[in-house]
Each structure stands twice: as C-alpha cells, then as structure tokens.
Amino acid sequence: MGSYILCLVTIDDLAKAAEIAEVLVEKGLAACVNIVPEIQSIYRWKGKICNDTERLMIIKTRKSLFEELEKTVKNMHPYEVPEIISVEIDRGLSEYLRWIDDSTEPHP
C-alpha cells in the first residue's frame, strides 16, 4: 500500500464543487470526495478581512497523485488562488486504504 493524503479545497459554488469532485473521481485522481455544504470562512484577501460562506471538499487520494490533482482542481476552480492543501494520513483501516489504492489511477 502507498502513502495517502486528504486534500482540502474550499469553493463558493456547490454545483462547481460537485463538478470538480466528479472529474477527480472519474480521472482516478481521488477515491472519494466529501462535500461539506456550508462552512464559514474568515480570511484576509488583498488587505481586507473577508467573511464568506463556502463549501469544503475533502478529497481522499494517494500522495503520488497530488500534483495532477492540484493541476486539475486549479484549472477548474473559479478562485484566483484556490485553497488546495494536503494532509498526510498517518494511519487508517487497512481495508479502506487498500480501497483508495484500488480506486485511483495509475495503480502503484
């Protein structure tokens, strides 16, 4: 089994989040994408404090696929600078991690 990550992406449009998620799964870049329908984001952008409602995409994949996943999300995302970050999965149910391997391409 390989090395696994969660990728976090915020976006303002639920339909666009679903579109990106479907492309990632179809291309084998993600095994699963959860979309949390509403989060409140408070952040600094271009010198102003912003307070917006966004959606959070939680993407399960292999570490080796991050660069292609990042490129795909960035090309589809409406933000000038989208949040695309990864967090390593330290441990997980072996059957679930194997499913991530089986659900993503190219296979290790």
N, C-alpha and C. Protein backbone atom coordinates (compact mmCIF):
# COMPACT_ATOMS: atom_id res chain seq x y z
N MET A 1 0.84 -1.18 0.00
CA MET A 1 0.00 0.00 0.00
C MET A 1 0.88 1.24 0.00
N GLY A 2 0.33 2.32 -0.58
CA GLY A 2 1.09 3.54 -0.75
C GLY A 2 0.93 4.51 0.40
N SER A 3 1.28 5.75 0.12
CA SER A 3 1.17 6.85 1.07
C SER A 3 -0.07 7.65 0.71
N TYR A 4 -0.87 8.01 1.71
CA TYR A 4 -2.19 8.57 1.47
C TYR A 4 -2.31 9.98 2.04
N ILE A 5 -3.18 10.78 1.41
CA ILE A 5 -3.41 12.14 1.86
C ILE A 5 -4.89 12.49 1.79
N LEU A 6 -5.24 13.49 2.59
CA LEU A 6 -6.52 14.19 2.46
C LEU A 6 -6.18 15.52 1.82
N CYS A 7 -6.91 15.92 0.81
CA CYS A 7 -6.75 17.25 0.23
C CYS A 7 -7.97 18.06 0.60
N LEU A 8 -7.73 19.28 1.01
CA LEU A 8 -8.81 20.19 1.40
C LEU A 8 -8.88 21.31 0.38
N VAL A 9 -10.07 21.53 -0.14
CA VAL A 9 -10.31 22.58 -1.12
C VAL A 9 -11.58 23.31 -0.71
N THR A 10 -11.51 24.65 -0.63
CA THR A 10 -12.71 25.43 -0.38
C THR A 10 -13.16 26.07 -1.68
N ILE A 11 -14.48 26.27 -1.79
CA ILE A 11 -15.08 26.82 -3.00
C ILE A 11 -16.42 27.43 -2.64
N ASP A 12 -16.86 28.43 -3.39
CA ASP A 12 -18.11 29.11 -3.05
C ASP A 12 -19.34 28.51 -3.71
N ASP A 13 -19.17 27.65 -4.70
CA ASP A 13 -20.28 27.17 -5.52
C ASP A 13 -20.43 25.65 -5.35
N LEU A 14 -21.57 25.24 -4.82
CA LEU A 14 -21.81 23.81 -4.56
C LEU A 14 -21.83 23.00 -5.85
N ALA A 15 -22.46 23.51 -6.89
CA ALA A 15 -22.51 22.79 -8.17
C ALA A 15 -21.10 22.63 -8.75
N LYS A 16 -20.28 23.65 -8.64
CA LYS A 16 -18.90 23.57 -9.15
C LYS A 16 -18.09 22.57 -8.32
N ALA A 17 -18.33 22.54 -7.01
CA ALA A 17 -17.66 21.55 -6.15
C ALA A 17 -18.00 20.14 -6.61
N ALA A 18 -19.27 19.89 -6.89
CA ALA A 18 -19.70 18.57 -7.35
C ALA A 18 -19.08 18.24 -8.71
N GLU A 19 -19.00 19.23 -9.59
CA GLU A 19 -18.38 19.01 -10.91
C GLU A 19 -16.91 18.64 -10.77
N ILE A 20 -16.18 19.37 -9.94
CA ILE A 20 -14.77 19.07 -9.72
C ILE A 20 -14.62 17.68 -9.10
N ALA A 21 -15.45 17.37 -8.12
CA ALA A 21 -15.39 16.06 -7.45
C ALA A 21 -15.60 14.93 -8.45
N GLU A 22 -16.58 15.08 -9.31
CA GLU A 22 -16.86 14.03 -10.29
C GLU A 22 -15.68 13.83 -11.25
N VAL A 23 -15.07 14.92 -11.69
CA VAL A 23 -13.92 14.82 -12.59
C VAL A 23 -12.76 14.12 -11.88
N LEU A 24 -12.49 14.48 -10.63
CA LEU A 24 -11.39 13.86 -9.89
C LEU A 24 -11.60 12.36 -9.74
N VAL A 25 -12.81 11.95 -9.43
CA VAL A 25 -13.10 10.51 -9.26
C VAL A 25 -13.06 9.81 -10.62
N GLU A 26 -13.66 10.43 -11.65
CA GLU A 26 -13.66 9.83 -12.98
C GLU A 26 -12.24 9.63 -13.52
N LYS A 27 -11.36 10.61 -13.27
CA LYS A 27 -9.98 10.52 -13.76
C LYS A 27 -9.10 9.61 -12.89
N GLY A 28 -9.64 9.09 -11.79
CA GLY A 28 -8.87 8.24 -10.90
C GLY A 28 -7.90 9.01 -10.02
N LEU A 29 -8.11 10.32 -9.89
CA LEU A 29 -7.23 11.14 -9.05
C LEU A 29 -7.69 11.15 -7.60
N ALA A 30 -8.91 10.71 -7.35
CA ALA A 30 -9.45 10.64 -5.99
C ALA A 30 -10.32 9.40 -5.87
N ALA A 31 -10.26 8.78 -4.70
CA ALA A 31 -11.13 7.64 -4.44
C ALA A 31 -12.51 8.14 -4.02
N CYS A 32 -12.53 9.27 -3.33
CA CYS A 32 -13.78 9.80 -2.77
C CYS A 32 -13.60 11.28 -2.49
N VAL A 33 -14.68 12.03 -2.69
CA VAL A 33 -14.69 13.45 -2.33
C VAL A 33 -15.95 13.70 -1.51
N ASN A 34 -15.77 14.15 -0.27
CA ASN A 34 -16.90 14.59 0.54
C ASN A 34 -17.03 16.09 0.35
N ILE A 35 -18.27 16.56 0.25
CA ILE A 35 -18.51 18.00 0.13
C ILE A 35 -19.33 18.43 1.33
N VAL A 36 -18.71 19.21 2.20
CA VAL A 36 -19.41 19.78 3.35
C VAL A 36 -20.12 21.02 2.81
N PRO A 37 -21.45 21.05 2.86
CA PRO A 37 -22.20 22.06 2.12
C PRO A 37 -22.08 23.50 2.61
N GLU A 38 -21.70 23.71 3.85
CA GLU A 38 -21.60 25.09 4.30
C GLU A 38 -20.61 25.23 5.45
N ILE A 39 -19.62 26.08 5.21
CA ILE A 39 -18.68 26.47 6.25
C ILE A 39 -18.55 27.98 6.21
N GLN A 40 -18.17 28.56 7.30
CA GLN A 40 -17.92 30.00 7.36
C GLN A 40 -16.41 30.19 7.32
N SER A 41 -15.95 30.99 6.37
CA SER A 41 -14.52 31.25 6.21
C SER A 41 -14.24 32.73 6.48
N ILE A 42 -13.34 32.98 7.41
CA ILE A 42 -12.90 34.34 7.72
C ILE A 42 -11.41 34.39 7.38
N TYR A 43 -11.05 35.29 6.49
CA TYR A 43 -9.69 35.31 5.98
C TYR A 43 -9.31 36.71 5.49
N ARG A 44 -8.03 36.90 5.28
CA ARG A 44 -7.53 38.17 4.74
C ARG A 44 -7.25 37.95 3.26
N TRP A 45 -7.79 38.84 2.42
CA TRP A 45 -7.54 38.78 0.98
C TRP A 45 -7.37 40.19 0.45
N LYS A 46 -6.21 40.44 -0.15
CA LYS A 46 -5.88 41.74 -0.74
C LYS A 46 -6.09 42.89 0.24
N GLY A 47 -5.63 42.66 1.49
CA GLY A 47 -5.66 43.69 2.51
C GLY A 47 -6.98 43.86 3.25
N LYS A 48 -7.99 43.08 2.91
CA LYS A 48 -9.30 43.18 3.57
C LYS A 48 -9.60 41.90 4.33
N ILE A 49 -10.34 42.04 5.42
CA ILE A 49 -10.84 40.86 6.14
C ILE A 49 -12.17 40.48 5.49
N CYS A 50 -12.26 39.23 5.06
CA CYS A 50 -13.46 38.73 4.40
C CYS A 50 -14.15 37.70 5.30
N ASN A 51 -15.44 37.61 5.17
CA ASN A 51 -16.25 36.67 5.94
C ASN A 51 -17.27 36.09 4.96
N ASP A 52 -17.03 34.86 4.49
CA ASP A 52 -17.84 34.28 3.43
C ASP A 52 -18.32 32.88 3.78
N THR A 53 -19.39 32.49 3.12
CA THR A 53 -19.87 31.11 3.18
C THR A 53 -19.24 30.35 2.03
N GLU A 54 -18.65 29.21 2.36
CA GLU A 54 -18.02 28.38 1.33
C GLU A 54 -18.43 26.93 1.54
N ARG A 55 -17.98 26.10 0.62
CA ARG A 55 -18.13 24.66 0.73
C ARG A 55 -16.73 24.08 0.91
N LEU A 56 -16.63 22.97 1.62
CA LEU A 56 -15.34 22.32 1.84
C LEU A 56 -15.34 20.96 1.17
N MET A 57 -14.36 20.77 0.29
CA MET A 57 -14.18 19.48 -0.35
C MET A 57 -13.08 18.73 0.40
N ILE A 58 -13.39 17.51 0.82
CA ILE A 58 -12.43 16.65 1.50
C ILE A 58 -12.15 15.49 0.55
N ILE A 59 -10.93 15.46 0.03
CA ILE A 59 -10.58 14.53 -1.05
C ILE A 59 -9.62 13.48 -0.52
N LYS A 60 -9.96 12.21 -0.72
CA LYS A 60 -9.10 11.11 -0.30
C LYS A 60 -8.37 10.56 -1.52
N THR A 61 -7.04 10.51 -1.42
CA THR A 61 -6.24 10.05 -2.55
C THR A 61 -4.88 9.56 -2.09
N ARG A 62 -4.04 9.24 -3.07
CA ARG A 62 -2.67 8.85 -2.79
C ARG A 62 -1.75 10.06 -2.96
N LYS A 63 -0.71 10.12 -2.17
CA LYS A 63 0.23 11.24 -2.20
C LYS A 63 0.84 11.41 -3.59
N SER A 64 1.10 10.33 -4.27
CA SER A 64 1.73 10.39 -5.59
C SER A 64 0.85 11.06 -6.64
N LEU A 65 -0.44 11.23 -6.37
CA LEU A 65 -1.36 11.84 -7.32
C LEU A 65 -1.60 13.32 -7.05
N PHE A 66 -0.96 13.88 -6.00
CA PHE A 66 -1.25 15.26 -5.61
C PHE A 66 -1.00 16.26 -6.73
N GLU A 67 0.12 16.18 -7.41
CA GLU A 67 0.44 17.20 -8.42
C GLU A 67 -0.60 17.23 -9.54
N GLU A 68 -1.03 16.07 -10.01
CA GLU A 68 -2.05 16.03 -11.07
C GLU A 68 -3.41 16.49 -10.53
N LEU A 69 -3.73 16.10 -9.31
CA LEU A 69 -4.97 16.55 -8.67
C LEU A 69 -4.96 18.08 -8.54
N GLU A 70 -3.84 18.62 -8.05
CA GLU A 70 -3.71 20.07 -7.88
C GLU A 70 -3.90 20.79 -9.22
N LYS A 71 -3.29 20.30 -10.26
CA LYS A 71 -3.41 20.90 -11.58
C LYS A 71 -4.86 20.87 -12.07
N THR A 72 -5.53 19.75 -11.90
CA THR A 72 -6.92 19.60 -12.33
C THR A 72 -7.83 20.55 -11.58
N VAL A 73 -7.69 20.59 -10.25
CA VAL A 73 -8.53 21.48 -9.44
C VAL A 73 -8.27 22.93 -9.82
N LYS A 74 -7.01 23.32 -9.92
CA LYS A 74 -6.67 24.71 -10.23
C LYS A 74 -7.26 25.14 -11.58
N ASN A 75 -7.22 24.26 -12.57
CA ASN A 75 -7.76 24.57 -13.89
C ASN A 75 -9.27 24.72 -13.89
N MET A 76 -9.96 24.05 -12.98
CA MET A 76 -11.43 24.09 -12.93
C MET A 76 -11.98 25.09 -11.92
N HIS A 77 -11.15 25.52 -10.99
CA HIS A 77 -11.60 26.32 -9.84
C HIS A 77 -11.78 27.79 -10.23
N PRO A 78 -12.85 28.43 -9.75
CA PRO A 78 -13.09 29.84 -10.13
C PRO A 78 -12.23 30.86 -9.38
N TYR A 79 -11.59 30.48 -8.27
CA TYR A 79 -10.82 31.44 -7.48
C TYR A 79 -9.49 31.77 -8.15
N GLU A 80 -9.03 32.99 -7.93
CA GLU A 80 -7.71 33.40 -8.40
C GLU A 80 -6.61 32.55 -7.75
N VAL A 81 -6.74 32.32 -6.44
CA VAL A 81 -5.80 31.49 -5.69
C VAL A 81 -6.62 30.53 -4.82
N PRO A 82 -6.95 29.35 -5.36
CA PRO A 82 -7.76 28.42 -4.57
C PRO A 82 -6.95 27.76 -3.46
N GLU A 83 -7.63 27.44 -2.38
CA GLU A 83 -7.02 26.63 -1.33
C GLU A 83 -6.96 25.19 -1.83
N ILE A 84 -5.77 24.68 -1.97
CA ILE A 84 -5.55 23.28 -2.33
C ILE A 84 -4.39 22.82 -1.45
N ILE A 85 -4.73 22.16 -0.36
CA ILE A 85 -3.69 21.72 0.56
C ILE A 85 -3.87 20.24 0.86
N SER A 86 -2.79 19.61 1.26
CA SER A 86 -2.88 18.19 1.61
C SER A 86 -2.38 17.96 3.03
N VAL A 87 -2.95 16.93 3.63
CA VAL A 87 -2.58 16.49 4.96
C VAL A 87 -2.34 14.99 4.87
N GLU A 88 -1.18 14.54 5.34
CA GLU A 88 -0.90 13.12 5.27
C GLU A 88 -1.80 12.33 6.21
N ILE A 89 -2.22 11.18 5.73
CA ILE A 89 -2.97 10.25 6.55
C ILE A 89 -1.94 9.38 7.26
N ASP A 90 -1.83 9.55 8.55
CA ASP A 90 -0.83 8.82 9.34
C ASP A 90 -1.19 7.34 9.48
N ARG A 91 -2.46 7.08 9.74
CA ARG A 91 -2.93 5.70 9.92
C ARG A 91 -4.34 5.62 9.41
N GLY A 92 -4.78 4.40 9.11
CA GLY A 92 -6.15 4.18 8.67
C GLY A 92 -6.45 2.70 8.58
N LEU A 93 -7.71 2.38 8.52
CA LEU A 93 -8.14 0.99 8.37
C LEU A 93 -7.52 0.44 7.09
N SER A 94 -6.81 -0.67 7.18
CA SER A 94 -6.07 -1.19 6.03
C SER A 94 -6.99 -1.47 4.84
N GLU A 95 -8.19 -1.96 5.10
CA GLU A 95 -9.13 -2.23 4.01
C GLU A 95 -9.54 -0.94 3.30
N TYR A 96 -9.69 0.15 4.06
CA TYR A 96 -10.05 1.43 3.47
C TYR A 96 -8.90 1.97 2.64
N LEU A 97 -7.69 1.88 3.16
CA LEU A 97 -6.52 2.36 2.42
C LEU A 97 -6.32 1.54 1.14
N ARG A 98 -6.56 0.25 1.20
CA ARG A 98 -6.48 -0.60 0.01
C ARG A 98 -7.53 -0.16 -1.01
N TRP A 99 -8.72 0.23 -0.53
CA TRP A 99 -9.77 0.71 -1.42
C TRP A 99 -9.32 2.00 -2.13
N ILE A 100 -8.62 2.89 -1.42
CA ILE A 100 -8.07 4.09 -2.07
C ILE A 100 -7.13 3.67 -3.19
N ASP A 101 -6.25 2.70 -2.92
CA ASP A 101 -5.35 2.20 -3.96
C ASP A 101 -6.14 1.68 -5.16
N ASP A 102 -7.14 0.87 -4.89
CA ASP A 102 -7.91 0.24 -5.95
C ASP A 102 -8.76 1.24 -6.74
N SER A 103 -9.08 2.37 -6.14
CA SER A 103 -9.98 3.34 -6.75
C SER A 103 -9.28 4.48 -7.45
N THR A 104 -7.96 4.52 -7.41
CA THR A 104 -7.22 5.60 -8.02
C THR A 104 -6.26 5.06 -9.09
N GLU A 105 -5.93 5.89 -10.03
CA GLU A 105 -5.04 5.52 -11.14
C GLU A 105 -3.87 6.50 -11.18
N PRO A 106 -2.74 6.17 -11.70
CA PRO A 106 -2.39 4.79 -12.02
C PRO A 106 -2.13 4.00 -10.76
N HIS A 107 -2.34 2.74 -10.84
CA HIS A 107 -2.13 1.90 -9.65
C HIS A 107 -0.66 1.84 -9.30
N PRO A 108 -0.36 1.80 -8.00
CA PRO A 108 1.06 1.78 -7.57
C PRO A 108 1.76 0.50 -8.02
